[in-house]
């Protein structure tokens, strides 16, 4: 995924991937794979010739397990506007113990959210999240750390967002969604906004014990 740009691709079995129609200049790639730590890689893009980037992912290290400090986490959530939106009473919000970090996938986490339908697709190992309250096609727009997720295959959000990384989730149906989570012409679609430790990081100094 191109950071801040919304361009997304899923790699082929050999690990190769292609992103096109990107802006020139210094950009950052965010790469994720289940079971591995996320990686951010800088890349110089030019309209004159293709750019290549090789990414190596390290082992996944669980974050915020023991030394979780809720006050510091609330401060981080406040910075992205989560707490302000939660206080309006519009939508459904999940944070803290409401999120089952032991779930196998993001779609499993969302099974407890009202108004959503989790349905198997293809071989039955992938699941699609749809809006059960919609009278039309049940469309859902996903936002990961504030950026619109570009769905390439049904259920591919499960390959990108890990339950262990989730800090907070917002769910909106139709007109409930704030303007920043409503793509043009899709006001009737539900919106699911996932905030992860990649964006919402409590102050590390606040997690240290005082002597």
N, C-alpha and C. Protein backbone atom coordinates (compact mmCIF):
# COMPACT_ATOMS: atom_id res chain seq x y z
N UNK A 1 0.84 -1.19 0.00
CA UNK A 1 0.00 0.00 0.00
C UNK A 1 0.88 1.24 0.00
N UNK A 2 0.51 2.26 -0.83
CA UNK A 2 1.22 3.53 -0.81
C UNK A 2 0.68 4.36 0.34
N UNK A 3 1.54 4.72 1.29
CA UNK A 3 1.10 5.47 2.46
C UNK A 3 0.44 6.78 2.06
N UNK A 4 -0.77 7.00 2.58
CA UNK A 4 -1.48 8.25 2.35
C UNK A 4 -2.13 8.38 1.00
N UNK A 5 -1.87 7.43 0.08
CA UNK A 5 -2.40 7.57 -1.27
C UNK A 5 -3.55 6.64 -1.59
N UNK A 6 -3.71 5.58 -0.80
CA UNK A 6 -4.82 4.67 -1.03
C UNK A 6 -4.55 3.60 -2.07
N UNK A 7 -3.45 3.70 -2.85
CA UNK A 7 -3.14 2.69 -3.85
C UNK A 7 -2.71 1.40 -3.17
N UNK A 8 -3.35 0.29 -3.56
CA UNK A 8 -3.14 -0.98 -2.87
C UNK A 8 -2.98 -2.11 -3.87
N UNK A 9 -2.13 -3.06 -3.57
CA UNK A 9 -1.97 -4.25 -4.41
C UNK A 9 -1.70 -5.45 -3.51
N UNK A 10 -2.13 -6.62 -3.95
CA UNK A 10 -1.82 -7.87 -3.26
C UNK A 10 -0.78 -8.61 -4.09
N UNK A 11 0.29 -9.06 -3.45
CA UNK A 11 1.38 -9.68 -4.18
C UNK A 11 0.97 -11.03 -4.76
N UNK A 12 1.66 -11.40 -5.83
CA UNK A 12 1.47 -12.73 -6.43
C UNK A 12 2.16 -13.78 -5.56
N UNK A 13 1.94 -15.08 -5.83
CA UNK A 13 2.54 -16.12 -4.99
C UNK A 13 4.05 -16.01 -4.83
N UNK A 14 4.75 -15.47 -5.84
CA UNK A 14 6.20 -15.34 -5.75
C UNK A 14 6.63 -14.06 -5.04
N UNK A 15 5.65 -13.29 -4.53
CA UNK A 15 5.97 -12.08 -3.79
C UNK A 15 6.01 -10.81 -4.62
N UNK A 16 5.94 -10.91 -5.93
CA UNK A 16 5.99 -9.71 -6.77
C UNK A 16 4.66 -8.96 -6.74
N UNK A 17 4.74 -7.66 -6.85
CA UNK A 17 3.54 -6.83 -6.88
C UNK A 17 3.79 -5.62 -7.77
N UNK A 18 2.70 -4.98 -8.21
CA UNK A 18 2.79 -3.81 -9.08
C UNK A 18 1.79 -2.76 -8.64
N UNK A 19 2.25 -1.53 -8.50
CA UNK A 19 1.39 -0.37 -8.25
C UNK A 19 1.64 0.61 -9.38
N UNK A 20 0.57 1.10 -10.00
CA UNK A 20 0.76 2.05 -11.10
C UNK A 20 -0.04 3.32 -10.87
N UNK A 21 0.17 4.30 -11.76
CA UNK A 21 -0.51 5.61 -11.70
C UNK A 21 -0.25 6.31 -10.37
N UNK A 22 1.00 6.27 -9.92
CA UNK A 22 1.37 6.87 -8.64
C UNK A 22 2.02 8.24 -8.84
N UNK A 23 1.96 9.11 -7.86
CA UNK A 23 2.59 10.43 -7.98
C UNK A 23 4.10 10.33 -7.92
N UNK A 24 4.78 11.22 -8.65
CA UNK A 24 6.24 11.23 -8.66
C UNK A 24 6.78 11.78 -7.34
N UNK A 25 8.07 11.50 -7.10
CA UNK A 25 8.72 11.99 -5.89
C UNK A 25 8.97 10.88 -4.89
N UNK A 26 9.42 11.27 -3.72
CA UNK A 26 9.70 10.30 -2.66
C UNK A 26 8.40 9.85 -2.00
N UNK A 27 8.13 8.56 -2.04
CA UNK A 27 6.92 7.99 -1.47
C UNK A 27 7.31 6.89 -0.49
N UNK A 28 6.33 6.38 0.24
CA UNK A 28 6.60 5.30 1.20
C UNK A 28 5.63 4.16 0.95
N UNK A 29 6.17 2.96 0.87
CA UNK A 29 5.36 1.75 0.73
C UNK A 29 5.16 1.13 2.10
N UNK A 30 3.93 0.70 2.38
CA UNK A 30 3.65 -0.04 3.61
C UNK A 30 3.29 -1.46 3.19
N UNK A 31 4.02 -2.43 3.70
CA UNK A 31 3.85 -3.83 3.29
C UNK A 31 3.50 -4.66 4.52
N UNK A 32 2.46 -5.49 4.38
CA UNK A 32 2.04 -6.34 5.49
C UNK A 32 1.78 -7.75 4.99
N UNK A 33 2.03 -8.72 5.86
CA UNK A 33 1.69 -10.12 5.61
C UNK A 33 1.40 -10.76 6.96
N UNK A 34 0.36 -11.59 6.99
CA UNK A 34 0.01 -12.27 8.23
C UNK A 34 1.19 -13.06 8.79
N UNK A 35 1.45 -12.88 10.08
CA UNK A 35 2.53 -13.60 10.71
C UNK A 35 3.87 -12.89 10.68
N UNK A 36 3.93 -11.72 10.04
CA UNK A 36 5.18 -10.96 9.93
C UNK A 36 4.96 -9.52 10.38
N UNK A 37 6.04 -8.86 10.75
CA UNK A 37 5.96 -7.45 11.15
C UNK A 37 5.78 -6.59 9.91
N UNK A 38 4.98 -5.53 10.03
CA UNK A 38 4.78 -4.59 8.92
C UNK A 38 6.09 -3.86 8.64
N UNK A 39 6.27 -3.44 7.38
CA UNK A 39 7.49 -2.72 6.99
C UNK A 39 7.13 -1.49 6.18
N UNK A 40 7.86 -0.39 6.41
CA UNK A 40 7.73 0.83 5.64
C UNK A 40 9.01 1.01 4.83
N UNK A 41 8.86 1.19 3.51
CA UNK A 41 10.03 1.26 2.63
C UNK A 41 9.93 2.51 1.76
N UNK A 42 10.94 3.40 1.79
CA UNK A 42 10.92 4.58 0.91
C UNK A 42 11.22 4.19 -0.53
N UNK A 43 10.65 4.90 -1.48
CA UNK A 43 10.89 4.63 -2.89
C UNK A 43 10.80 5.93 -3.67
N UNK A 44 11.71 6.12 -4.62
CA UNK A 44 11.72 7.31 -5.47
C UNK A 44 10.97 6.99 -6.76
N UNK A 45 9.90 7.72 -7.03
CA UNK A 45 9.07 7.46 -8.20
C UNK A 45 9.27 8.55 -9.24
N UNK A 46 9.31 8.14 -10.49
CA UNK A 46 9.49 9.06 -11.60
C UNK A 46 8.60 8.63 -12.75
N UNK A 47 8.12 9.59 -13.53
CA UNK A 47 7.29 9.27 -14.70
C UNK A 47 8.12 8.75 -15.86
N UNK A 48 9.46 8.84 -15.76
CA UNK A 48 10.33 8.45 -16.87
C UNK A 48 10.57 6.94 -16.94
N UNK A 49 10.64 6.29 -15.78
CA UNK A 49 10.92 4.86 -15.78
C UNK A 49 10.35 4.21 -14.52
N UNK A 50 10.05 2.90 -14.57
CA UNK A 50 9.50 2.21 -13.40
C UNK A 50 10.52 2.17 -12.27
N UNK A 51 10.03 2.15 -11.06
CA UNK A 51 10.89 2.00 -9.88
C UNK A 51 10.66 0.62 -9.29
N UNK A 52 11.73 0.07 -8.73
CA UNK A 52 11.64 -1.26 -8.11
C UNK A 52 12.00 -1.15 -6.63
N UNK A 53 11.32 -1.94 -5.82
CA UNK A 53 11.59 -1.96 -4.39
C UNK A 53 11.57 -3.40 -3.90
N UNK A 54 12.56 -3.78 -3.11
CA UNK A 54 12.62 -5.10 -2.49
C UNK A 54 12.35 -4.95 -1.01
N UNK A 55 11.41 -5.71 -0.50
CA UNK A 55 10.98 -5.58 0.89
C UNK A 55 11.19 -6.90 1.61
N UNK A 56 11.83 -6.84 2.77
CA UNK A 56 12.03 -8.01 3.61
C UNK A 56 11.29 -7.80 4.92
N UNK A 57 10.40 -8.71 5.26
CA UNK A 57 9.60 -8.60 6.48
C UNK A 57 10.22 -9.42 7.60
N UNK A 58 10.24 -8.84 8.79
CA UNK A 58 10.76 -9.56 9.95
C UNK A 58 9.66 -10.30 10.67
N UNK A 59 10.02 -11.02 11.71
CA UNK A 59 9.04 -11.76 12.51
C UNK A 59 8.12 -10.79 13.24
N UNK A 60 6.87 -11.19 13.37
CA UNK A 60 5.89 -10.35 14.06
C UNK A 60 6.14 -10.38 15.56
N UNK A 61 6.19 -9.19 16.17
CA UNK A 61 6.35 -9.07 17.62
C UNK A 61 5.10 -8.44 18.18
N UNK A 62 4.34 -9.12 19.03
CA UNK A 62 3.11 -8.54 19.60
C UNK A 62 3.40 -7.20 20.26
N UNK A 63 2.48 -6.26 20.06
CA UNK A 63 2.64 -4.91 20.58
C UNK A 63 1.58 -4.60 21.62
N UNK A 64 1.96 -3.86 22.64
CA UNK A 64 1.02 -3.39 23.66
C UNK A 64 0.34 -4.55 24.40
N UNK A 65 1.12 -5.55 24.80
CA UNK A 65 0.52 -6.69 25.50
C UNK A 65 0.40 -6.42 27.00
N UNK A 66 1.54 -6.30 27.69
CA UNK A 66 1.53 -6.20 29.14
C UNK A 66 1.47 -4.76 29.62
N UNK A 67 2.29 -3.90 29.04
CA UNK A 67 2.44 -2.54 29.54
C UNK A 67 1.46 -1.58 28.88
N UNK A 68 0.25 -2.01 28.67
CA UNK A 68 -0.76 -1.15 28.05
C UNK A 68 -1.18 -0.07 29.05
N UNK A 69 -1.11 1.16 28.64
CA UNK A 69 -1.51 2.28 29.48
C UNK A 69 -2.67 2.99 28.80
N UNK A 70 -3.86 2.86 29.38
CA UNK A 70 -5.06 3.33 28.70
C UNK A 70 -5.09 4.84 28.55
N UNK A 71 -4.54 5.58 29.52
CA UNK A 71 -4.54 7.04 29.42
C UNK A 71 -3.74 7.49 28.21
N UNK A 72 -2.58 6.87 28.00
CA UNK A 72 -1.76 7.22 26.84
C UNK A 72 -2.45 6.82 25.55
N UNK A 73 -3.14 5.68 25.55
CA UNK A 73 -3.85 5.23 24.36
C UNK A 73 -5.01 6.18 24.03
N UNK A 74 -5.72 6.64 25.04
CA UNK A 74 -6.81 7.58 24.81
C UNK A 74 -6.29 8.87 24.19
N UNK A 75 -5.12 9.30 24.62
CA UNK A 75 -4.53 10.51 24.05
C UNK A 75 -4.24 10.31 22.57
N UNK A 76 -3.74 9.12 22.21
CA UNK A 76 -3.45 8.82 20.81
C UNK A 76 -4.73 8.75 19.99
N UNK A 77 -5.79 8.15 20.56
CA UNK A 77 -7.07 8.07 19.85
C UNK A 77 -7.70 9.44 19.70
N UNK A 78 -7.47 10.31 20.66
CA UNK A 78 -8.00 11.67 20.57
C UNK A 78 -7.38 12.42 19.39
N UNK A 79 -6.11 12.16 19.13
CA UNK A 79 -5.41 12.86 18.05
C UNK A 79 -6.01 12.55 16.69
N UNK A 80 -6.55 11.35 16.51
CA UNK A 80 -7.14 10.98 15.21
C UNK A 80 -8.64 11.24 15.18
N UNK A 81 -9.20 11.84 16.23
CA UNK A 81 -10.61 12.21 16.25
C UNK A 81 -11.55 11.12 16.69
N UNK A 82 -11.01 9.97 17.07
CA UNK A 82 -11.86 8.83 17.43
C UNK A 82 -12.75 9.14 18.63
N UNK A 83 -12.17 9.67 19.70
CA UNK A 83 -12.94 9.92 20.92
C UNK A 83 -14.01 10.98 20.70
N UNK A 84 -13.71 11.98 19.91
CA UNK A 84 -14.71 13.02 19.62
C UNK A 84 -15.90 12.44 18.87
N UNK A 85 -15.62 11.59 17.88
CA UNK A 85 -16.71 10.96 17.12
C UNK A 85 -17.49 9.99 18.01
N UNK A 86 -16.80 9.29 18.90
CA UNK A 86 -17.47 8.36 19.80
C UNK A 86 -18.45 9.09 20.71
N UNK A 87 -18.08 10.28 21.14
CA UNK A 87 -18.92 11.04 22.05
C UNK A 87 -20.19 11.57 21.38
N UNK A 88 -20.24 11.59 20.06
CA UNK A 88 -21.44 12.07 19.37
C UNK A 88 -22.58 11.07 19.46
N UNK A 89 -22.26 9.79 19.71
CA UNK A 89 -23.30 8.76 19.78
C UNK A 89 -23.73 8.23 18.44
N UNK A 90 -23.14 8.72 17.36
CA UNK A 90 -23.45 8.23 16.01
C UNK A 90 -22.49 7.10 15.67
N UNK A 91 -23.03 5.94 15.31
CA UNK A 91 -22.18 4.82 14.94
C UNK A 91 -21.96 3.87 16.10
N UNK A 92 -21.18 2.83 15.81
CA UNK A 92 -20.85 1.79 16.80
C UNK A 92 -19.34 1.79 16.96
N UNK A 93 -18.84 1.77 18.21
CA UNK A 93 -17.42 1.93 18.46
C UNK A 93 -16.90 0.76 19.30
N UNK A 94 -15.71 0.29 18.93
CA UNK A 94 -15.07 -0.81 19.64
C UNK A 94 -13.64 -0.41 19.98
N UNK A 95 -13.28 -0.58 21.24
CA UNK A 95 -11.90 -0.36 21.66
C UNK A 95 -11.66 -1.16 22.94
N UNK A 96 -10.41 -1.20 23.38
CA UNK A 96 -10.09 -1.93 24.60
C UNK A 96 -10.51 -3.38 24.55
N UNK A 97 -11.18 -3.85 25.61
CA UNK A 97 -11.58 -5.26 25.71
C UNK A 97 -12.73 -5.63 24.78
N UNK A 98 -13.36 -4.64 24.15
CA UNK A 98 -14.42 -4.94 23.19
C UNK A 98 -13.87 -5.63 21.95
N UNK A 99 -12.58 -5.46 21.69
CA UNK A 99 -11.94 -6.07 20.52
C UNK A 99 -11.30 -7.39 20.94
N UNK A 100 -11.69 -8.46 20.28
CA UNK A 100 -11.11 -9.77 20.58
C UNK A 100 -9.80 -9.92 19.79
N UNK A 101 -8.69 -9.62 20.45
CA UNK A 101 -7.40 -9.68 19.78
C UNK A 101 -6.93 -11.10 19.52
N UNK A 102 -7.65 -12.08 20.03
CA UNK A 102 -7.32 -13.48 19.79
C UNK A 102 -8.05 -14.04 18.57
N UNK A 103 -8.86 -13.23 17.92
CA UNK A 103 -9.60 -13.69 16.74
C UNK A 103 -8.64 -14.10 15.63
N UNK A 104 -9.12 -14.96 14.74
CA UNK A 104 -8.28 -15.43 13.64
C UNK A 104 -8.14 -14.41 12.53
N UNK A 105 -9.12 -13.51 12.39
CA UNK A 105 -9.10 -12.56 11.28
C UNK A 105 -9.90 -11.32 11.65
N UNK A 106 -9.75 -10.28 10.84
CA UNK A 106 -10.49 -9.04 11.05
C UNK A 106 -11.98 -9.29 10.94
N UNK A 107 -12.41 -10.10 9.95
CA UNK A 107 -13.84 -10.37 9.79
C UNK A 107 -14.41 -11.08 11.02
N UNK A 108 -13.61 -11.91 11.68
CA UNK A 108 -14.07 -12.55 12.93
C UNK A 108 -14.30 -11.51 14.02
N UNK A 109 -13.42 -10.51 14.11
CA UNK A 109 -13.58 -9.45 15.09
C UNK A 109 -14.91 -8.72 14.88
N UNK A 110 -15.29 -8.55 13.61
CA UNK A 110 -16.47 -7.74 13.28
C UNK A 110 -17.78 -8.49 13.45
N UNK A 111 -17.75 -9.76 13.82
CA UNK A 111 -18.98 -10.53 13.99
C UNK A 111 -19.86 -9.98 15.12
N UNK A 112 -19.27 -9.29 16.08
CA UNK A 112 -20.05 -8.79 17.20
C UNK A 112 -20.68 -7.42 16.90
N UNK A 113 -20.29 -6.79 15.83
CA UNK A 113 -20.82 -5.46 15.50
C UNK A 113 -22.23 -5.59 14.93
N UNK A 114 -23.20 -4.83 15.43
CA UNK A 114 -24.58 -4.93 14.93
C UNK A 114 -24.71 -4.39 13.51
N UNK A 115 -25.61 -5.00 12.76
CA UNK A 115 -25.92 -4.51 11.42
C UNK A 115 -24.97 -4.96 10.33
N UNK A 116 -24.07 -5.91 10.65
CA UNK A 116 -23.14 -6.41 9.64
C UNK A 116 -23.38 -7.90 9.40
N UNK A 117 -23.12 -8.33 8.18
CA UNK A 117 -23.26 -9.74 7.81
C UNK A 117 -21.88 -10.25 7.38
N UNK A 118 -21.43 -11.37 7.94
CA UNK A 118 -20.16 -11.99 7.59
C UNK A 118 -20.46 -13.25 6.80
N UNK A 119 -20.10 -13.25 5.52
CA UNK A 119 -20.47 -14.37 4.64
C UNK A 119 -19.24 -14.97 3.97
N UNK A 120 -19.18 -16.31 3.87
CA UNK A 120 -18.05 -16.96 3.19
C UNK A 120 -18.13 -16.76 1.67
N UNK A 121 -16.98 -16.69 1.03
CA UNK A 121 -16.92 -16.57 -0.43
C UNK A 121 -15.89 -17.55 -0.95
N UNK A 122 -15.99 -17.87 -2.24
CA UNK A 122 -15.00 -18.72 -2.88
C UNK A 122 -14.91 -20.08 -2.24
N UNK A 123 -13.71 -20.41 -1.72
CA UNK A 123 -13.47 -21.73 -1.14
C UNK A 123 -13.98 -21.85 0.29
N UNK A 124 -14.65 -20.81 0.80
CA UNK A 124 -15.18 -20.85 2.15
C UNK A 124 -14.19 -20.47 3.22
N UNK A 125 -12.93 -20.17 2.83
CA UNK A 125 -11.93 -19.75 3.80
C UNK A 125 -11.79 -18.23 3.87
N UNK A 126 -12.42 -17.54 2.91
CA UNK A 126 -12.42 -16.08 2.91
C UNK A 126 -13.83 -15.61 3.22
N UNK A 127 -13.92 -14.45 3.87
CA UNK A 127 -15.22 -13.93 4.28
C UNK A 127 -15.38 -12.48 3.84
N UNK A 128 -16.61 -12.14 3.49
CA UNK A 128 -16.94 -10.78 3.07
C UNK A 128 -17.85 -10.15 4.12
N UNK A 129 -17.59 -8.90 4.44
CA UNK A 129 -18.41 -8.15 5.39
C UNK A 129 -19.35 -7.26 4.60
N UNK A 130 -20.66 -7.38 4.83
CA UNK A 130 -21.63 -6.56 4.14
C UNK A 130 -22.58 -5.92 5.14
N UNK A 131 -23.32 -4.92 4.68
CA UNK A 131 -24.25 -4.18 5.53
C UNK A 131 -25.62 -4.84 5.49
N UNK A 132 -26.02 -5.48 6.58
CA UNK A 132 -27.31 -6.18 6.61
C UNK A 132 -28.49 -5.22 6.73
N UNK A 133 -28.22 -3.95 7.03
CA UNK A 133 -29.29 -2.97 7.15
C UNK A 133 -29.58 -2.25 5.83
N UNK A 134 -28.74 -2.51 4.83
CA UNK A 134 -28.92 -1.84 3.54
C UNK A 134 -29.99 -2.53 2.72
N UNK A 135 -30.83 -1.71 2.10
CA UNK A 135 -31.89 -2.27 1.25
C UNK A 135 -31.39 -2.55 -0.15
N UNK A 136 -30.17 -2.10 -0.46
CA UNK A 136 -29.64 -2.29 -1.81
C UNK A 136 -28.60 -3.40 -1.84
N UNK A 137 -27.34 -3.06 -2.06
CA UNK A 137 -26.32 -4.10 -2.25
C UNK A 137 -25.49 -4.38 -1.01
N UNK A 138 -25.78 -3.73 0.10
CA UNK A 138 -25.05 -3.98 1.33
C UNK A 138 -23.60 -3.57 1.29
N UNK A 139 -23.27 -2.56 0.48
CA UNK A 139 -21.87 -2.18 0.28
C UNK A 139 -21.25 -1.63 1.57
N UNK A 140 -19.95 -1.91 1.73
CA UNK A 140 -19.19 -1.44 2.88
C UNK A 140 -17.87 -0.85 2.39
N UNK A 141 -17.53 0.35 2.86
CA UNK A 141 -16.22 0.94 2.59
C UNK A 141 -15.35 0.78 3.82
N UNK A 142 -14.11 0.33 3.61
CA UNK A 142 -13.17 0.13 4.71
C UNK A 142 -12.13 1.24 4.70
N UNK A 143 -11.80 1.72 5.89
CA UNK A 143 -10.73 2.67 6.06
C UNK A 143 -9.75 2.09 7.08
N UNK A 144 -8.47 2.06 6.72
CA UNK A 144 -7.44 1.55 7.61
C UNK A 144 -6.52 2.71 7.97
N UNK A 145 -6.52 3.09 9.24
CA UNK A 145 -5.73 4.21 9.73
C UNK A 145 -6.03 5.49 8.94
N UNK A 146 -7.32 5.66 8.61
CA UNK A 146 -7.77 6.87 7.96
C UNK A 146 -7.73 6.87 6.45
N UNK A 147 -7.17 5.83 5.84
CA UNK A 147 -7.04 5.75 4.39
C UNK A 147 -8.02 4.73 3.82
N UNK A 148 -8.70 5.11 2.74
CA UNK A 148 -9.68 4.21 2.11
C UNK A 148 -8.98 2.97 1.57
N UNK A 149 -9.47 1.81 1.96
CA UNK A 149 -8.93 0.52 1.51
C UNK A 149 -9.51 0.20 0.13
N UNK A 150 -8.63 -0.06 -0.83
CA UNK A 150 -9.05 -0.41 -2.18
C UNK A 150 -9.17 -1.93 -2.29
N UNK A 151 -10.40 -2.43 -2.29
CA UNK A 151 -10.63 -3.87 -2.35
C UNK A 151 -10.32 -4.40 -3.75
N UNK A 152 -9.43 -5.38 -3.83
CA UNK A 152 -9.09 -6.02 -5.10
C UNK A 152 -9.77 -7.37 -5.24
N UNK A 153 -9.91 -8.08 -4.12
CA UNK A 153 -10.58 -9.36 -4.10
C UNK A 153 -11.52 -9.39 -2.90
N UNK A 154 -12.67 -10.04 -3.03
CA UNK A 154 -13.60 -10.11 -1.88
C UNK A 154 -12.91 -10.69 -0.64
N UNK A 155 -13.01 -9.97 0.46
CA UNK A 155 -12.44 -10.44 1.71
C UNK A 155 -10.97 -10.20 1.90
N UNK A 156 -10.31 -9.43 0.99
CA UNK A 156 -8.87 -9.27 1.11
C UNK A 156 -8.46 -8.37 2.28
N UNK A 157 -9.41 -7.70 2.91
CA UNK A 157 -9.08 -6.90 4.09
C UNK A 157 -8.51 -7.79 5.21
N UNK A 158 -8.92 -9.07 5.23
CA UNK A 158 -8.41 -10.01 6.24
C UNK A 158 -6.92 -10.28 6.07
N UNK A 159 -6.40 -10.09 4.86
CA UNK A 159 -4.98 -10.34 4.62
C UNK A 159 -4.12 -9.15 5.03
N UNK A 160 -4.76 -8.03 5.35
CA UNK A 160 -4.01 -6.82 5.64
C UNK A 160 -4.08 -6.41 7.11
N UNK A 161 -5.25 -6.51 7.70
CA UNK A 161 -5.45 -6.06 9.08
C UNK A 161 -5.44 -7.27 10.01
N UNK A 162 -4.53 -7.27 10.98
CA UNK A 162 -4.44 -8.35 11.96
C UNK A 162 -5.16 -7.95 13.24
N UNK A 163 -5.94 -8.85 13.84
CA UNK A 163 -6.63 -8.53 15.09
C UNK A 163 -5.68 -8.05 16.19
N UNK A 164 -4.47 -8.61 16.24
CA UNK A 164 -3.53 -8.23 17.30
C UNK A 164 -3.10 -6.77 17.20
N UNK A 165 -3.22 -6.18 16.02
CA UNK A 165 -2.77 -4.81 15.80
C UNK A 165 -3.88 -3.78 16.02
N UNK A 166 -5.12 -4.23 16.19
CA UNK A 166 -6.24 -3.31 16.28
C UNK A 166 -6.25 -2.57 17.62
N UNK A 167 -6.51 -1.27 17.54
CA UNK A 167 -6.65 -0.44 18.73
C UNK A 167 -8.09 0.03 18.89
N UNK A 168 -8.73 0.38 17.78
CA UNK A 168 -10.12 0.86 17.83
C UNK A 168 -10.78 0.66 16.47
N UNK A 169 -12.11 0.56 16.48
CA UNK A 169 -12.89 0.36 15.25
C UNK A 169 -14.15 1.22 15.32
N UNK A 170 -14.49 1.84 14.21
CA UNK A 170 -15.72 2.61 14.09
C UNK A 170 -16.59 1.96 13.00
N UNK A 171 -17.90 1.86 13.26
CA UNK A 171 -18.83 1.30 12.28
C UNK A 171 -19.98 2.29 12.08
N UNK A 172 -20.21 2.65 10.82
CA UNK A 172 -21.29 3.57 10.50
C UNK A 172 -22.18 2.96 9.41
N UNK A 173 -23.47 3.25 9.50
CA UNK A 173 -24.42 2.79 8.49
C UNK A 173 -25.03 3.99 7.78
N UNK A 174 -24.90 4.00 6.45
CA UNK A 174 -25.51 5.04 5.64
C UNK A 174 -25.13 6.45 6.05
N UNK A 175 -26.15 7.26 6.36
CA UNK A 175 -25.94 8.68 6.64
C UNK A 175 -25.22 8.93 7.96
N UNK A 176 -24.98 7.89 8.78
CA UNK A 176 -24.24 8.07 10.03
C UNK A 176 -22.78 8.45 9.78
N UNK A 177 -22.23 8.00 8.67
CA UNK A 177 -20.79 8.15 8.43
C UNK A 177 -20.38 9.61 8.28
N UNK A 178 -19.32 10.03 8.95
CA UNK A 178 -18.79 11.38 8.77
C UNK A 178 -18.33 11.59 7.33
N UNK A 179 -18.28 12.83 6.86
CA UNK A 179 -17.90 13.09 5.46
C UNK A 179 -16.54 12.49 5.08
N UNK A 180 -15.57 12.48 6.01
CA UNK A 180 -14.25 11.96 5.66
C UNK A 180 -14.24 10.46 5.45
N UNK A 181 -15.33 9.78 5.85
CA UNK A 181 -15.43 8.34 5.65
C UNK A 181 -16.57 8.00 4.69
N UNK A 182 -16.89 8.92 3.80
CA UNK A 182 -17.94 8.71 2.81
C UNK A 182 -17.41 9.08 1.43
N UNK A 183 -17.02 8.09 0.59
CA UNK A 183 -16.56 8.40 -0.76
C UNK A 183 -17.69 9.05 -1.57
N UNK A 184 -17.35 9.92 -2.53
CA UNK A 184 -18.38 10.58 -3.34
C UNK A 184 -19.32 9.58 -4.01
N UNK A 185 -20.63 9.82 -3.90
CA UNK A 185 -21.63 8.97 -4.53
C UNK A 185 -21.91 7.68 -3.81
N UNK A 186 -21.35 7.49 -2.60
CA UNK A 186 -21.55 6.24 -1.87
C UNK A 186 -22.11 6.50 -0.47
N UNK A 187 -22.99 7.49 -0.37
CA UNK A 187 -23.55 7.86 0.91
C UNK A 187 -24.42 6.80 1.54
N UNK A 188 -24.89 5.82 0.76
CA UNK A 188 -25.74 4.77 1.32
C UNK A 188 -24.94 3.57 1.82
N UNK A 189 -23.63 3.56 1.60
CA UNK A 189 -22.80 2.43 2.02
C UNK A 189 -22.41 2.56 3.49
N UNK A 190 -22.21 1.42 4.14
CA UNK A 190 -21.67 1.42 5.49
C UNK A 190 -20.18 1.74 5.44
N UNK A 191 -19.64 2.18 6.56
CA UNK A 191 -18.21 2.47 6.65
C UNK A 191 -17.65 1.79 7.90
N UNK A 192 -16.54 1.08 7.73
CA UNK A 192 -15.83 0.47 8.85
C UNK A 192 -14.43 1.09 8.88
N UNK A 193 -14.11 1.73 10.00
CA UNK A 193 -12.84 2.43 10.15
C UNK A 193 -12.01 1.71 11.20
N UNK A 194 -10.87 1.18 10.80
CA UNK A 194 -10.00 0.43 11.70
C UNK A 194 -8.75 1.25 12.02
N UNK A 195 -8.46 1.40 13.30
CA UNK A 195 -7.24 2.09 13.74
C UNK A 195 -6.31 1.05 14.33
N UNK A 196 -5.06 1.03 13.86
CA UNK A 196 -4.09 0.03 14.30
C UNK A 196 -2.92 0.70 15.02
N UNK A 197 -2.06 -0.13 15.61
CA UNK A 197 -0.89 0.39 16.31
C UNK A 197 0.07 1.09 15.37
N UNK A 198 -0.07 0.88 14.06
CA UNK A 198 0.79 1.57 13.10
C UNK A 198 0.52 3.07 13.10
N UNK A 199 -0.71 3.47 13.44
CA UNK A 199 -1.10 4.89 13.44
C UNK A 199 -1.36 5.41 14.85
N UNK A 200 -1.93 4.57 15.70
CA UNK A 200 -2.31 5.00 17.04
C UNK A 200 -1.33 4.40 18.03
N UNK A 201 -0.26 5.10 18.29
CA UNK A 201 0.78 4.61 19.20
C UNK A 201 0.78 5.45 20.47
N UNK A 202 0.51 4.85 21.63
CA UNK A 202 0.68 5.60 22.88
C UNK A 202 2.12 6.05 23.06
N UNK A 203 2.31 7.10 23.82
CA UNK A 203 3.64 7.60 24.12
C UNK A 203 4.44 6.53 24.84
N UNK A 204 5.57 6.11 24.24
CA UNK A 204 6.38 5.04 24.84
C UNK A 204 6.87 5.41 26.23
N UNK A 205 7.12 6.70 26.47
CA UNK A 205 7.60 7.10 27.79
C UNK A 205 6.56 6.86 28.87
N UNK A 206 5.26 6.88 28.46
CA UNK A 206 4.20 6.71 29.44
C UNK A 206 4.07 5.26 29.89
N UNK A 207 4.69 4.33 29.13
CA UNK A 207 4.54 2.92 29.46
C UNK A 207 5.65 2.42 30.37
N UNK A 208 6.59 3.31 30.71
CA UNK A 208 7.69 2.87 31.56
C UNK A 208 7.32 3.06 33.03
N UNK A 209 7.74 2.10 33.85
CA UNK A 209 7.46 2.20 35.28
C UNK A 209 8.39 3.24 35.90
N UNK A 210 7.85 3.99 36.83
CA UNK A 210 8.67 4.95 37.56
C UNK A 210 9.47 4.21 38.64
N UNK A 211 10.70 4.62 38.90
CA UNK A 211 11.50 3.96 39.94
C UNK A 211 10.94 4.22 41.32
